[in-house]
Amino acid sequence: MNVSEFLYNPKRHTLHIKGYCVQTKNGYPDYFIPFKTENEAIAHDGRAVGMCKLCQKKREQKMEETK
C-alpha cells in the first residue's frame, strides 16, 4: 500500500492515515505526530494504539479496490 504518512494523535492515542478522514483531509493539528510507517507510529507510544475508524474503513475500501 502506498501511504505517504501516518499521523498519531497523542491526546486520543489514535492513528490516522493522512487524507483519509475529516481530521486529516485538509491538514492536521500541530500536536499530531507524523510517521512514515504504521509500525513506527505504533512503537512510538507503546500502548494500545487504535486506528481511526474512518481511516480504517477507507483503507479497507482501497484494499478491496486493488484486488
Protein backbone atom coordinates (compact mmCIF):
# COMPACT_ATOMS: atom_id res chain seq x y z
CA MET A 1 0.00 0.00 0.00
CA ASN A 2 1.37 3.41 -0.93
CA VAL A 3 0.54 5.62 2.00
CA SER A 4 2.54 8.77 2.37
CA GLU A 5 2.05 9.40 6.05
CA PHE A 6 0.57 8.07 9.25
CA LEU A 7 -0.43 10.58 11.91
CA TYR A 8 -0.54 9.79 15.59
CA ASN A 9 -2.88 11.73 17.88
CA PRO A 10 -1.29 11.57 21.36
CA LYS A 11 -4.35 13.05 23.05
CA ARG A 12 -6.58 10.15 21.99
CA HIS A 13 -3.92 7.51 21.22
CA THR A 14 -5.38 7.21 17.73
CA LEU A 15 -3.60 6.53 14.46
CA HIS A 16 -4.77 8.32 11.31
CA ILE A 17 -3.79 7.99 7.67
CA LYS A 18 -3.20 11.39 6.11
CA GLY A 19 -6.13 12.44 3.95
CA TYR A 20 -8.37 9.50 4.84
CA CYS A 21 -10.66 11.23 7.37
CA VAL A 22 -12.09 14.64 8.21
CA GLN A 23 -9.37 15.39 10.77
CA THR A 24 -6.55 14.94 8.25
CA LYS A 25 -8.18 15.77 4.91
CA ASN A 26 -7.21 19.47 4.88
CA GLY A 27 -4.13 19.41 7.08
CA TYR A 28 -3.90 18.37 10.71
CA PRO A 29 -3.33 19.90 14.16
CA ASP A 30 0.20 20.71 15.32
CA TYR A 31 0.07 18.13 18.10
CA PHE A 32 -0.37 15.24 15.63
CA ILE A 33 2.93 13.39 15.18
CA PRO A 34 3.76 12.28 11.61
CA PHE A 35 5.35 8.90 10.85
CA LYS A 36 6.32 7.22 7.57
CA THR A 37 5.13 3.74 8.60
CA GLU A 38 2.33 2.33 10.70
CA ASN A 39 4.79 0.31 12.79
CA GLU A 40 6.83 3.40 13.71
CA ALA A 41 3.69 5.16 14.89
CA ILE A 42 2.55 2.21 17.00
CA ALA A 43 6.02 1.75 18.51
CA HIS A 44 6.20 5.45 19.46
CA ASP A 45 3.59 5.21 22.22
CA GLY A 46 3.97 1.61 23.32
CA ARG A 47 0.35 1.49 24.48
CA ALA A 48 -2.79 0.25 22.85
CA VAL A 49 -3.00 2.48 19.80
CA GLY A 50 -6.31 2.38 17.98
CA MET A 51 -6.82 3.12 14.32
CA CYS A 52 -9.27 5.90 13.48
CA LYS A 53 -12.47 4.12 12.42
CA LEU A 54 -12.94 6.33 9.36
CA CYS A 55 -9.34 5.81 8.25
CA GLN A 56 -9.62 2.06 8.78
CA LYS A 57 -12.80 1.90 6.71
CA LYS A 58 -11.26 3.88 3.84
CA ARG A 59 -8.10 1.74 3.93
CA GLU A 60 -10.20 -1.42 3.69
CA GLN A 61 -12.13 0.05 0.76
CA LYS A 62 -8.90 0.89 -1.07
CA MET A 63 -7.53 -2.60 -0.42
CA GLU A 64 -10.72 -4.13 -1.88
CA GLU A 65 -10.39 -1.94 -4.98
CA THR A 66 -6.87 -3.17 -5.65
CA LYS A 67 -7.85 -6.86 -5.54
